[in-house]
C-alpha atoms as a PDB file:
ATOM      1  CA  MET A   1      35.086  41.596 -63.509  1.00  0.00           C
ATOM      2  CA  SER A   2      37.438  45.003 -63.846  1.00  0.00           C
ATOM      3  CA  ASP A   3      37.634  46.683 -66.988  1.00  0.00           C
ATOM      4  CA  ASP A   4      41.311  45.994 -67.464  1.00  0.00           C
ATOM      5  CA  VAL A   5      40.937  42.191 -66.721  1.00  0.00           C
ATOM      6  CA  ALA A   6      38.014  42.173 -69.297  1.00  0.00           C
ATOM      7  CA  ILE A   7      40.288  43.905 -71.822  1.00  0.00           C
ATOM      8  CA  GLY A   8      43.056  41.554 -71.297  1.00  0.00           C
ATOM      9  CA  SER A   9      40.655  38.567 -71.484  1.00  0.00           C
ATOM     10  CA  ASP A  10      39.380  40.030 -74.881  1.00  0.00           C
ATOM     11  CA  LEU A  11      42.794  40.432 -76.103  1.00  0.00           C
ATOM     12  CA  TRP A  12      43.906  36.976 -75.249  1.00  0.00           C
ATOM     13  CA  MET A  13      40.902  35.592 -77.213  1.00  0.00           C
ATOM     14  CA  ASP A  14      41.554  37.799 -80.079  1.00  0.00           C
ATOM     15  CA  ALA A  15      45.341  36.394 -80.085  1.00  0.00           C
ATOM     16  CA  ILE A  16      43.992  32.917 -79.982  1.00  0.00           C
ATOM     17  CA  GLU A  17      41.735  33.429 -82.960  1.00  0.00           C
ATOM     18  CA  SER A  18      44.313  35.254 -84.731  1.00  0.00           C
ATOM     19  CA  GLU A  19      46.862  32.416 -84.358  1.00  0.00           C
ATOM     20  CA  GLU A  20      44.193  29.891 -85.318  1.00  0.00           C
ATOM     21  CA  ARG A  21      43.817  31.818 -88.536  1.00  0.00           C
ATOM     22  CA  GLY A  22      47.616  31.494 -89.294  1.00  0.00           C
ATOM     23  CA  ASP A  23      48.219  35.503 -88.795  1.00  0.00           C
ATOM     24  CA  ARG A  24      51.376  35.483 -86.687  1.00  0.00           C
ATOM     25  CA  ASP A  25      52.133  39.089 -87.073  1.00  0.00           C
ATOM     26  CA  SER A  26      48.547  39.909 -85.698  1.00  0.00           C
ATOM     27  CA  THR A  27      49.102  37.508 -82.900  1.00  0.00           C
ATOM     28  CA  LEU A  28      52.506  38.960 -82.038  1.00  0.00           C
ATOM     29  CA  ARG A  29      50.917  42.520 -81.984  1.00  0.00           C
ATOM     30  CA  ILE A  30      47.898  41.473 -79.856  1.00  0.00           C
ATOM     31  CA  CYS A  31      50.189  39.694 -77.371  1.00  0.00           C
ATOM     32  CA  ARG A  32      52.666  42.370 -76.910  1.00  0.00           C
ATOM     33  CA  GLU A  33      49.505  44.767 -76.248  1.00  0.00           C
ATOM     34  CA  LEU A  34      48.437  42.399 -73.709  1.00  0.00           C
ATOM     35  CA  VAL A  35      51.594  41.919 -71.919  1.00  0.00           C
ATOM     36  CA  ALA A  36      52.051  45.890 -71.838  1.00  0.00           C
ATOM     37  CA  LYS A  37      48.844  45.567 -69.642  1.00  0.00           C
ATOM     38  CA  GLU A  38      49.336  42.293 -67.991  1.00  0.00           C
ATOM     39  CA  PRO A  39      53.403  42.023 -67.634  1.00  0.00           C
ATOM     40  CA  ASP A  40      52.863  38.784 -65.630  1.00  0.00           C
ATOM     41  CA  ASN A  41      50.990  36.982 -68.190  1.00  0.00           C
ATOM     42  CA  SER A  42      52.795  33.973 -68.814  1.00  0.00           C
ATOM     43  CA  ASP A  43      50.642  32.537 -71.602  1.00  0.00           C
ATOM     44  CA  ALA A  44      51.276  35.800 -73.623  1.00  0.00           C
ATOM     45  CA  TRP A  45      54.871  36.080 -73.217  1.00  0.00           C
ATOM     46  CA  MET A  46      55.031  32.315 -74.248  1.00  0.00           C
ATOM     47  CA  THR A  47      53.133  33.041 -77.291  1.00  0.00           C
ATOM     48  CA  ILE A  48      55.407  35.962 -77.983  1.00  0.00           C
ATOM     49  CA  ALA A  49      58.461  33.557 -77.751  1.00  0.00           C
ATOM     50  CA  ARG A  50      56.843  31.264 -80.463  1.00  0.00           C
ATOM     51  CA  MET A  51      55.730  33.954 -82.702  1.00  0.00           C
ATOM     52  CA  GLU A  52      59.386  35.669 -82.848  1.00  0.00           C
ATOM     53  CA  LEU A  53      60.563  32.377 -84.381  1.00  0.00           C
ATOM     54  CA  PRO A  54      59.762  31.280 -88.087  1.00  0.00           C
ATOM     55  CA  ALA A  55      56.524  29.448 -88.426  1.00  0.00           C
ATOM     56  CA  PRO A  56      56.744  25.550 -88.548  1.00  0.00           C
ATOM     57  CA  THR A  57      56.584  23.846 -91.612  1.00  0.00           C
ATOM     58  CA  LYS A  58      56.012  20.140 -92.897  1.00  0.00           C
ATOM     59  CA  GLY A  59      58.801  20.716 -95.216  1.00  0.00           C
ATOM     60  CA  LYS A  60      62.074  22.427 -94.817  1.00  0.00           C
ATOM     61  CA  GLN A  61      62.031  24.462 -91.507  1.00  0.00           C
ATOM     62  CA  GLU A  62      63.308  27.798 -91.808  1.00  0.00           C
ATOM     63  CA  MET A  63      65.711  28.842 -88.949  1.00  0.00           C
ATOM     64  CA  PRO A  64      65.510  32.257 -87.055  1.00  0.00           C
ATOM     65  CA  SER A  65      67.679  35.062 -87.529  1.00  0.00           C
ATOM     66  CA  LEU A  66      69.802  36.677 -84.635  1.00  0.00           C
ATOM     67  CA  VAL A  67      67.173  39.397 -83.901  1.00  0.00           C
ATOM     68  CA  GLN A  68      64.473  36.675 -83.968  1.00  0.00           C
ATOM     69  CA  THR A  69      66.436  34.286 -81.779  1.00  0.00           C
ATOM     70  CA  ALA A  70      67.367  37.067 -79.383  1.00  0.00           C
ATOM     71  CA  LYS A  71      63.583  38.431 -79.186  1.00  0.00           C
ATOM     72  CA  SER A  72      62.241  34.751 -78.606  1.00  0.00           C
ATOM     73  CA  VAL A  73      65.132  34.317 -75.592  1.00  0.00           C
ATOM     74  CA  THR A  74      63.995  37.460 -73.996  1.00  0.00           C
ATOM     75  CA  ALA A  75      60.452  36.523 -73.962  1.00  0.00           C
ATOM     76  CA  LEU A  76      61.196  32.867 -72.595  1.00  0.00           C
ATOM     77  CA  ARG A  77      62.984  34.590 -69.694  1.00  0.00           C
ATOM     78  CA  ARG A  78      59.985  36.055 -68.796  1.00  0.00           C
ATOM     79  CA  VAL A  79      57.945  33.010 -69.193  1.00  0.00           C
ATOM     80  CA  VAL A  80      60.282  30.835 -66.761  1.00  0.00           C
ATOM     81  CA  LYS A  81      60.377  33.504 -64.359  1.00  0.00           C
ATOM     82  CA  LEU A  82      56.615  33.623 -64.380  1.00  0.00           C
ATOM     83  CA  ASP A  83      55.806  30.149 -64.716  1.00  0.00           C
ATOM     84  CA  PRO A  84      59.096  27.770 -63.803  1.00  0.00           C
ATOM     85  CA  GLU A  85      57.036  24.552 -64.417  1.00  0.00           C
ATOM     86  CA  ASN A  86      56.632  25.476 -68.278  1.00  0.00           C
ATOM     87  CA  ARG A  87      59.164  22.699 -69.713  1.00  0.00           C
ATOM     88  CA  ARG A  88      58.591  23.666 -73.124  1.00  0.00           C
ATOM     89  CA  ALA A  89      59.835  27.206 -72.392  1.00  0.00           C
ATOM     90  CA  TRP A  90      62.910  25.723 -70.439  1.00  0.00           C
ATOM     91  CA  ASP A  91      63.545  23.103 -73.482  1.00  0.00           C
ATOM     92  CA  LEU A  92      63.084  25.781 -76.446  1.00  0.00           C
ATOM     93  CA  GLY A  93      65.239  28.489 -74.540  1.00  0.00           C
ATOM     94  CA  GLY A  94      68.230  26.109 -74.043  1.00  0.00           C
ATOM     95  CA  THR A  95      68.072  25.021 -77.706  1.00  0.00           C
ATOM     96  CA  LEU A  96      68.286  28.553 -78.983  1.00  0.00           C
ATOM     97  CA  LEU A  97      71.042  29.742 -76.518  1.00  0.00           C
ATOM     98  CA  VAL A  98      73.212  26.865 -77.248  1.00  0.00           C
ATOM     99  CA  ASP A  99      72.357  25.980 -81.251  1.00  0.00           C
ATOM    100  CA  HIS A 100      71.481  29.388 -82.273  1.00  0.00           C
ATOM    101  CA  LEU A 101      73.577  31.844 -80.430  1.00  0.00           C
ATOM    102  CA  GLY A 102      76.366  29.739 -79.147  1.00  0.00           C
ATOM    103  CA  MET A 103      76.205  31.433 -75.638  1.00  0.00           C
ATOM    104  CA  MET A 104      77.452  28.563 -73.430  1.00  0.00           C
ATOM    105  CA  ASP A 105      77.807  30.480 -70.270  1.00  0.00           C
ATOM    106  CA  ASP A 106      74.431  31.682 -70.653  1.00  0.00           C
ATOM    107  CA  ALA A 107      73.071  28.328 -71.277  1.00  0.00           C
ATOM    108  CA  LEU A 108      74.884  26.868 -68.130  1.00  0.00           C
ATOM    109  CA  GLU A 109      73.178  29.489 -66.171  1.00  0.00           C
ATOM    110  CA  TRP A 110      69.756  28.809 -67.954  1.00  0.00           C
ATOM    111  CA  TRP A 111      69.849  25.220 -67.035  1.00  0.00           C
ATOM    112  CA  GLU A 112      71.326  25.933 -63.440  1.00  0.00           C
ATOM    113  CA  SER A 113      68.142  27.867 -62.871  1.00  0.00           C
ATOM    114  CA  ARG A 114      66.012  24.996 -64.107  1.00  0.00           C
ATOM    115  CA  ARG A 115      68.011  22.721 -61.613  1.00  0.00           C
ATOM    116  CA  GLU A 116      66.989  25.229 -58.641  1.00  0.00           C
ATOM    117  CA  ASN A 117      63.238  24.812 -59.492  1.00  0.00           C
ATOM    118  CA  ALA A 118      63.559  21.061 -60.262  1.00  0.00           C
ATOM    119  CA  PRO A 119      66.457  19.610 -58.386  1.00  0.00           C
ATOM    120  CA  THR A 120      65.680  16.017 -59.360  1.00  0.00           C
ATOM    121  CA  GLU A 121      65.333  16.476 -62.964  1.00  0.00           C
ATOM    122  CA  VAL A 122      67.582  14.813 -65.217  1.00  0.00           C
ATOM    123  CA  THR A 123      67.496  16.761 -68.388  1.00  0.00           C
ATOM    124  CA  PRO A 124      69.405  20.095 -66.822  1.00  0.00           C
ATOM    125  CA  LEU A 125      72.109  18.084 -65.808  1.00  0.00           C
ATOM    126  CA  ILE A 126      72.374  16.246 -69.199  1.00  0.00           C
ATOM    127  CA  GLU A 127      72.401  19.667 -70.923  1.00  0.00           C
ATOM    128  CA  GLN A 128      74.938  21.040 -68.690  1.00  0.00           C
ATOM    129  CA  ILE A 129      77.173  17.999 -69.119  1.00  0.00           C
ATOM    130  CA  SER A 130      76.948  18.307 -73.129  1.00  0.00           C
ATOM    131  CA  ILE A 131      78.161  22.049 -72.821  1.00  0.00           C
ATOM    132  CA  LEU A 132      80.923  21.186 -70.526  1.00  0.00           C
ATOM    133  CA  VAL A 133      82.154  18.525 -72.770  1.00  0.00           C
ATOM    134  CA  ARG A 134      81.950  20.820 -75.698  1.00  0.00           C
ATOM    135  CA  MET A 135      84.300  23.437 -73.937  1.00  0.00           C
ATOM    136  CA  GLY A 136      86.604  20.843 -72.743  1.00  0.00           C
ATOM    137  CA  TYR A 137      85.739  20.857 -69.087  1.00  0.00           C
ATOM    138  CA  TYR A 138      85.709  17.179 -68.402  1.00  0.00           C
ATOM    139  CA  GLU A 139      86.717  17.152 -64.713  1.00  0.00           C
ATOM    140  CA  GLU A 140      83.826  18.989 -63.960  1.00  0.00           C
ATOM    141  CA  CYS A 141      81.456  16.844 -65.540  1.00  0.00           C
ATOM    142  CA  ALA A 142      82.286  13.923 -63.087  1.00  0.00           C
ATOM    143  CA  ASP A 143      80.091  15.529 -60.013  1.00  0.00           C
ATOM    144  CA  LEU A 144      77.246  16.149 -62.513  1.00  0.00           C
ATOM    145  CA  LEU A 145      77.434  12.599 -63.922  1.00  0.00           C
ATOM    146  CA  GLU A 146      77.401  11.195 -60.474  1.00  0.00           C
ATOM    147  CA  GLU A 147      74.669  13.128 -59.606  1.00  0.00           C
ATOM    148  CA  MET A 148      72.745  12.438 -62.679  1.00  0.00           C
ATOM    149  CA  PHE A 149      72.805   8.642 -62.222  1.00  0.00           C
ATOM    150  CA  SER A 150      72.035   8.803 -58.383  1.00  0.00           C
ATOM    151  CA  SER A 151      68.966   7.132 -57.115  1.00  0.00           C
ATOM    152  CA  GLU A 152      67.701  10.730 -55.721  1.00  0.00           C
ATOM    153  CA  MET A 153      66.847  11.738 -59.347  1.00  0.00           C
ATOM    154  CA  ASP A 154      63.912  11.391 -61.045  1.00  0.00           C
ATOM    155  CA  SER A 155      62.743   8.204 -62.541  1.00  0.00           C
ATOM    156  CA  VAL A 156      63.227   8.526 -66.611  1.00  0.00           C
ATOM    157  CA  ASP A 157      61.756   6.787 -69.569  1.00  0.00           C
ATOM    158  CA  GLY A 158      63.708   4.727 -72.161  1.00  0.00           C
ATOM    159  CA  GLY A 159      64.415   7.774 -74.567  1.00  0.00           C
ATOM    160  CA  LEU A 160      66.005   9.800 -71.549  1.00  0.00           C
ATOM    161  CA  LYS A 161      67.926   6.847 -70.535  1.00  0.00           C
ATOM    162  CA  MET A 162      69.681   6.772 -74.005  1.00  0.00           C
ATOM    163  CA  ARG A 163      70.425  10.263 -73.670  1.00  0.00           C
ATOM    164  CA  MET A 164      72.196   9.788 -70.398  1.00  0.00           C
ATOM    165  CA  GLY A 165      73.951   6.658 -71.638  1.00  0.00           C
ATOM    166  CA  ARG A 166      75.161   8.677 -74.535  1.00  0.00           C
ATOM    167  CA  VAL A 167      76.382  11.858 -72.969  1.00  0.00           C
ATOM    168  CA  SER A 168      78.396   9.332 -70.384  1.00  0.00           C
ATOM    169  CA  GLN A 169      80.011   7.855 -73.251  1.00  0.00           C
ATOM    170  CA  THR A 170      80.667  11.435 -74.904  1.00  0.00           C
ATOM    171  CA  VAL A 171      82.610  12.298 -71.868  1.00  0.00           C
ATOM    172  CA  SER A 172      84.466   9.146 -71.710  1.00  0.00           C
ATOM    173  CA  LYS A 173      85.489   9.481 -75.160  1.00  0.00           C
ATOM    174  CA  ALA A 174      86.375  13.113 -75.414  1.00  0.00           C
ATOM    175  CA  SER A 175      88.505  12.928 -72.273  1.00  0.00           C
ATOM    176  CA  LYS A 176      90.515   9.954 -73.491  1.00  0.00           C
ATOM    177  CA  MET A 177      91.135  11.655 -76.605  1.00  0.00           C
ATOM    178  CA  GLU A 178      92.577  14.662 -74.908  1.00  0.00           C
ATOM    179  CA  SER A 179      94.308  12.893 -72.237  1.00  0.00           C
ATOM    180  CA  ASP A 180      97.431  14.332 -73.438  1.00  0.00           C
ATOM    181  CA  GLU A 181      96.343  17.811 -73.635  1.00  0.00           C
ATOM    182  CA  ILE A 182      92.909  19.638 -73.356  1.00  0.00           C
ATOM    183  CA  PHE A 183      92.648  22.192 -75.974  1.00  0.00           C
ATOM    184  CA  ARG A 184      92.231  25.599 -74.783  1.00  0.00           C
ATOM    185  CA  PRO A 185      91.595  28.070 -77.627  1.00  0.00           C
ATOM    186  CA  ASN A 186      91.990  31.126 -75.800  1.00  0.00           C
ATOM    187  CA  GLN A 187      95.682  30.302 -75.541  1.00  0.00           C
ATOM    188  CA  PRO A 188      97.368  31.749 -78.645  1.00  0.00           C
ATOM    189  CA  LYS A 189     100.521  29.666 -78.155  1.00  0.00           C
ATOM    190  CA  HIS A 190      98.700  26.244 -77.458  1.00  0.00           C
ATOM    191  CA  PRO A 191     100.260  23.359 -79.648  1.00  0.00           C
ATOM    192  CA  ARG A 192      96.786  22.328 -81.012  1.00  0.00           C
ATOM    193  CA  TRP A 193      96.752  25.823 -83.247  1.00  0.00           C
ATOM    194  CA  GLU A 194      99.798  24.699 -84.882  1.00  0.00           C
ATOM    195  CA  ILE A 195      98.437  21.094 -85.983  1.00  0.00           C
ATOM    196  CA  ILE A 196      94.984  23.071 -87.100  1.00  0.00           C
ATOM    197  CA  GLU A 197      97.449  25.512 -89.122  1.00  0.00           C
ATOM    198  CA  LYS A 198      98.630  22.270 -90.768  1.00  0.00           C
ATOM    199  CA  LEU A 199      95.382  20.547 -91.199  1.00  0.00           C
ATOM    200  CA  LYS A 200      93.302  23.594 -92.207  1.00  0.00           C
ATOM    201  CA  LYS A 201      92.932  22.403 -95.797  1.00  0.00           C
ATOM    202  CA  LYS A 202      91.496  19.164 -94.592  1.00  0.00           C
ATOM    203  CA  LYS A 203      87.725  19.083 -94.485  1.00  0.00           C
ATOM    204  CA  PRO A 204      86.344  16.735 -91.763  1.00  0.00           C
ATOM    205  CA  ILE A 205      85.357  12.989 -92.789  1.00  0.00           C
ATOM    206  CA  SER A 206      81.520  12.752 -92.399  1.00  0.00           C
ATOM    207  CA  GLN A 207      80.412   9.601 -90.456  1.00  0.00           C
ATOM    208  CA  GLY A 208      78.575   8.405 -93.370  1.00  0.00           C
ATOM    209  CA  LEU A 209      81.684   8.518 -95.741  1.00  0.00           C
ATOM    210  CA  PHE A 210      83.478   6.885 -93.125  1.00  0.00           C
ATOM    211  CA  LEU A 211      81.648   3.937 -92.796  1.00  0.00           C
ATOM    212  CA  MET A 212      81.405   3.539 -96.409  1.00  0.00           C
ATOM    213  CA  LEU A 213      85.043   3.741 -96.967  1.00  0.00           C
ATOM    214  CA  PHE A 214      86.019   1.792 -93.682  1.00  0.00           C
ATOM    215  CA  VAL A 215      83.496  -0.111 -92.442  1.00  0.00           C
ATOM    216  CA  ALA A 216      81.794  -1.460 -95.472  1.00  0.00           C
ATOM    217  CA  PRO A 217      85.011  -3.331 -97.033  1.00  0.00           C
ATOM    218  CA  MET A 218      85.528  -5.018 -93.627  1.00  0.00           C
ATOM    219  CA  ALA A 219      81.913  -6.109 -93.528  1.00  0.00           C
ATOM    220  CA  PHE A 220      82.166  -7.499 -97.269  1.00  0.00           C
ATOM    221  CA  PHE A 221      85.329  -9.412 -96.191  1.00  0.00           C
ATOM    222  CA  VAL A 222      83.788 -10.888 -93.130  1.00  0.00           C
ATOM    223  CA  GLY A 223      80.603 -11.851 -95.102  1.00  0.00           C
ATOM    224  CA  SER A 224      82.732 -13.411 -97.968  1.00  0.00           C
ATOM    225  CA  ALA A 225      84.580 -15.258 -95.445  1.00  0.00           C
ATOM    226  CA  SER A 226      81.756 -16.420 -93.666  1.00  0.00           C
ATOM    227  CA  MET A 227      80.141 -17.798 -96.817  1.00  0.00           C
ATOM    228  CA  ILE A 228      83.376 -19.751 -97.691  1.00  0.00           C
ATOM    229  CA  PHE A 229      83.287 -21.184 -94.194  1.00  0.00           C
ATOM    230  CA  ILE A 230      79.645 -22.019 -93.873  1.00  0.00           C
ATOM    231  CA  GLY A 231      78.984 -23.325 -97.062  1.00  0.00           C
ATOM    232  CA  ASP A 232      75.548 -23.676 -99.236  1.00  0.00           C
ATOM    233  CA  SER A 233      73.475 -25.436 -96.624  1.00  0.00           C
ATOM    234  CA  GLY A 234      69.878 -24.054 -96.109  1.00  0.00           C
ATOM    235  CA  TRP A 235      70.795 -22.105 -93.208  1.00  0.00           C
ATOM    236  CA  SER A 236      73.976 -20.655 -94.628  1.00  0.00           C
ATOM    237  CA  LEU A 237      72.331 -17.284 -95.646  1.00  0.00           C
ATOM    238  CA  PRO A 238      70.383 -16.503 -92.167  1.00  0.00           C
ATOM    239  CA  ILE A 239      73.636 -17.283 -90.426  1.00  0.00           C
ATOM    240  CA  VAL A 240      75.842 -14.993 -92.660  1.00  0.00           C
ATOM    241  CA  PHE A 241      73.298 -12.248 -92.286  1.00  0.00           C
ATOM    242  CA  ILE A 242      73.705 -12.591 -88.677  1.00  0.00           C
ATOM    243  CA  ILE A 243      77.077 -12.627 -88.732  1.00  0.00           C
ATOM    244  CA  LEU A 244      77.494  -9.532 -90.972  1.00  0.00           C
ATOM    245  CA  LEU A 245      74.732  -7.407 -88.775  1.00  0.00           C
ATOM    246  CA  LEU A 246      76.591  -8.095 -85.774  1.00  0.00           C
ATOM    247  CA  THR A 247      80.225  -7.275 -87.628  1.00  0.00           C
ATOM    248  CA  VAL A 248      78.668  -4.177 -88.834  1.00  0.00           C
ATOM    249  CA  VAL A 249      77.485  -3.010 -85.481  1.00  0.00           C
ATOM    250  CA  ALA A 250      80.966  -4.132 -83.748  1.00  0.00           C
ATOM    251  CA  ILE A 251      83.162  -2.515 -86.171  1.00  0.00           C
ATOM    252  CA  SER A 252      80.817   0.837 -86.437  1.00  0.00           C
ATOM    253  CA  ARG A 253      81.158   0.971 -82.596  1.00  0.00           C
ATOM    254  CA  LEU A 254      84.883   0.435 -82.495  1.00  0.00           C
ATOM    255  CA  SER A 255      85.886   2.702 -85.404  1.00  0.00           C
ATOM    256  CA  MET A 256      84.219   5.818 -83.964  1.00  0.00           C
ATOM    257  CA  ASN A 257      87.079   6.506 -81.800  1.00  0.00           C
ATOM    258  CA  LEU A 258      89.366   6.253 -84.863  1.00  0.00           C
ATOM    259  CA  LEU A 259      87.024   8.694 -86.854  1.00  0.00           C
ATOM    260  CA  GLN A 260      87.038  11.097 -83.802  1.00  0.00           C
ATOM    261  CA  SER A 261      90.839  11.095 -84.028  1.00  0.00           C
ATOM    262  CA  ILE A 262      91.041  11.498 -87.597  1.00  0.00           C
ATOM    263  CA  ASN A 263      88.471  14.554 -87.067  1.00  0.00           C
ATOM    264  CA  ARG A 264      90.343  16.107 -84.083  1.00  0.00           C
ATOM    265  CA  HIS A 265      91.607  19.035 -85.857  1.00  0.00           C
ATOM    266  CA  ALA A 266      87.843  19.950 -86.837  1.00  0.00           C
ATOM    267  CA  LEU A 267      86.497  19.291 -83.351  1.00  0.00           C
ATOM    268  CA  ASP A 268      89.271  21.571 -81.936  1.00  0.00           C
ATOM    269  CA  LEU A 269      88.154  24.391 -84.337  1.00  0.00           C
ATOM    270  CA  GLU A 270      84.566  23.664 -83.379  1.00  0.00           C
ATOM    271  CA  ARG A 271      85.370  24.384 -79.720  1.00  0.00           C
ATOM    272  CA  ALA A 272      87.162  27.600 -81.016  1.00  0.00           C
ATOM    273  CA  ILE A 273      84.157  28.462 -82.417  1.00  0.00           C
ATOM    274  CA  ASP A 274      82.140  27.911 -79.252  1.00  0.00           C
ATOM    275  CA  TYR A 275      84.696  30.030 -77.545  1.00  0.00           C
ATOM    276  CA  GLU A 276      84.113  32.924 -79.755  1.00  0.00           C
ATOM    277  CA  THR A 277      80.238  32.818 -79.370  1.00  0.00           C
ATOM    278  CA  THR A 278      80.372  32.495 -75.546  1.00  0.00           C
ATOM    279  CA  THR A 279      82.875  35.241 -75.137  1.00  0.00           C
ATOM    280  CA  GLY A 280      81.925  37.523 -78.051  1.00  0.00           C
ATOM    281  CA  GLN A 281      85.778  38.017 -78.751  1.00  0.00           C
ATOM    282  CA  VAL A 282      88.008  36.500 -81.153  1.00  0.00           C
ATOM    283  CA  CYS A 283      90.838  33.842 -80.866  1.00  0.00           C
ATOM    284  CA  ILE A 284      90.885  32.076 -84.477  1.00  0.00           C
ATOM    285  CA  PRO A 285      93.818  33.263 -86.447  1.00  0.00           C
ATOM    286  CA  GLU A 286      92.728  35.101 -89.650  1.00  0.00           C
ATOM    287  CA  SER A 287      94.808  32.154 -91.687  1.00  0.00           C
ATOM    288  CA  ILE A 288      92.617  29.469 -90.232  1.00  0.00           C
ATOM    289  CA  ARG A 289      89.451  31.644 -90.643  1.00  0.00           C
ATOM    290  CA  GLU A 290      90.158  31.691 -94.406  1.00  0.00           C
ATOM    291  CA  SER A 291      90.692  28.016 -94.636  1.00  0.00           C
ATOM    292  CA  PRO A 292      88.548  25.310 -96.206  1.00  0.00           C
ATOM    293  CA  LEU A 293      88.186  23.685 -92.928  1.00  0.00           C
ATOM    294  CA  TYR A 294      86.660  26.728 -91.442  1.00  0.00           C
ATOM    295  CA  SER A 295      84.285  27.492 -94.319  1.00  0.00           C
ATOM    296  CA  SER A 296      82.971  23.812 -94.068  1.00  0.00           C
ATOM    297  CA  LEU A 297      82.366  23.934 -90.343  1.00  0.00           C
ATOM    298  CA  MET A 298      80.334  27.119 -90.827  1.00  0.00           C
ATOM    299  CA  LYS A 299      78.170  25.793 -93.511  1.00  0.00           C
ATOM    300  CA  SER A 300      76.636  23.677 -90.890  1.00  0.00           C
ATOM    301  CA  LYS A 301      75.911  26.527 -88.256  1.00  0.00           C
ATOM    302  CA  MET A 302      72.595  28.083 -87.795  1.00  0.00           C
ATOM    303  CA  PRO A 303      71.731  31.678 -89.211  1.00  0.00           C
ATOM    304  CA  ALA A 304      71.957  33.316 -86.104  1.00  0.00           C
ATOM    305  CA  ILE A 305      75.359  31.720 -85.124  1.00  0.00           C
ATOM    306  CA  LYS A 306      76.878  32.900 -88.510  1.00  0.00           C
ATOM    307  CA  GLU A 307      75.495  36.520 -87.700  1.00  0.00           C
ATOM    308  CA  ARG A 308      76.751  36.432 -84.199  1.00  0.00           C
ATOM    309  CA  ILE A 309      80.227  35.258 -85.559  1.00  0.00           C
ATOM    310  CA  TYR A 310      80.541  37.933 -88.301  1.00  0.00           C
ATOM    311  CA  LEU A 311      79.993  40.815 -85.719  1.00  0.00           C
ATOM    312  CA  ILE A 312      82.354  39.184 -83.314  1.00  0.00           C
ATOM    313  CA  VAL A 313      85.079  39.101 -85.954  1.00  0.00           C
ATOM    314  CA  GLU A 314      84.204  42.694 -87.006  1.00  0.00           C
ATOM    315  CA  SER A 315      84.632  43.743 -83.726  1.00  0.00           C
ATOM    316  CA  GLY A 316      88.158  42.624 -83.373  1.00  0.00           C
ATOM    317  CA  GLU A 317      88.349  42.112 -79.775  1.00  0.00           C
ATOM    318  CA  ARG A 318      90.546  39.568 -78.642  1.00  0.00           C
ATOM    319  CA  MET A 319      90.131  36.965 -76.086  1.00  0.00           C
ATOM    320  CA  PRO A 320      91.874  37.516 -72.706  1.00  0.00           C
ATOM    321  CA  LYS A 321      94.294  34.400 -72.314  1.00  0.00           C
ATOM    322  CA  LYS A 322      93.153  33.842 -68.933  1.00  0.00           C
ATOM    323  CA  TRP A 323      89.534  33.510 -69.693  1.00  0.00           C
ATOM    324  CA  GLU A 324      87.416  30.764 -67.978  1.00  0.00           C
ATOM    325  CA  LEU A 325      84.358  29.349 -68.466  1.00  0.00           C
ATOM    326  CA  ASN A 326      81.583  30.579 -65.666  1.00  0.00           C
ATOM    327  CA  LEU A 327      80.957  27.288 -64.172  1.00  0.00           C
ATOM    328  CA  PRO A 328      77.309  26.478 -62.280  1.00  0.00           C
END
């Protein structure tokens, strides 16, 4: 064994022991020293990617900052290049790019690279479709949906089948909601901007509140009516319970389209935020950015997203009217 190999092996063992002790700073330092000597060590790069992020906790998980996220993604790019079969790296990178950085172009490219390495895997298609829906590219989803459900793809478990079904339903519902006009935030004269301006003081209604205000009264009415018609027989309570349960499920599903319609102004503004984080340029009018609607949406964003948006707004660079998403 050469001296360099021996040193690399010793460093890796030191990194493992350091992580086992819970010393993340030391683990990160050792792994950085290791990749300086062995730049093709995918395990060390993966450890760097994990150590750059806040430590997982059993309580409330601390979310990474912009710098932490960026450093982790940089390390993950090295991991998937060296070890394309590392699914954990692909999943973590995709999550960071979308949920913590809002870089939809990069995320589409990320999952396209995964598809090149695993052309029959379903997960990359699910992720790409989800991104295209968020950005309003419904026509482009059709081919990906067809491919996702084709017999040539890998067999999937129950959880993944549920995700496939949900993403298909999301495409259908979103495209129907915007069948009259698809909102393009980079177009300052788009008619949806005027609607958002009028409703900028109206915060989105949460699903829980909507179910309580809309579904609960209807379920109570159905339950009361069922008790009257069925009577006080021994089977009345179980029958009414089943009727009530089926009613709640049915009304909840049917009412989701109504909730989506009520919250469309908020969904449109969400897309505008996605456009800004994707391009690094601004498109949201200042009057809307200072509104209760915008503030309520920003509260749910990850710290790294908030930092990015602050920098984007500070730069003040306007988004081109003809900007388009880079499609895979």
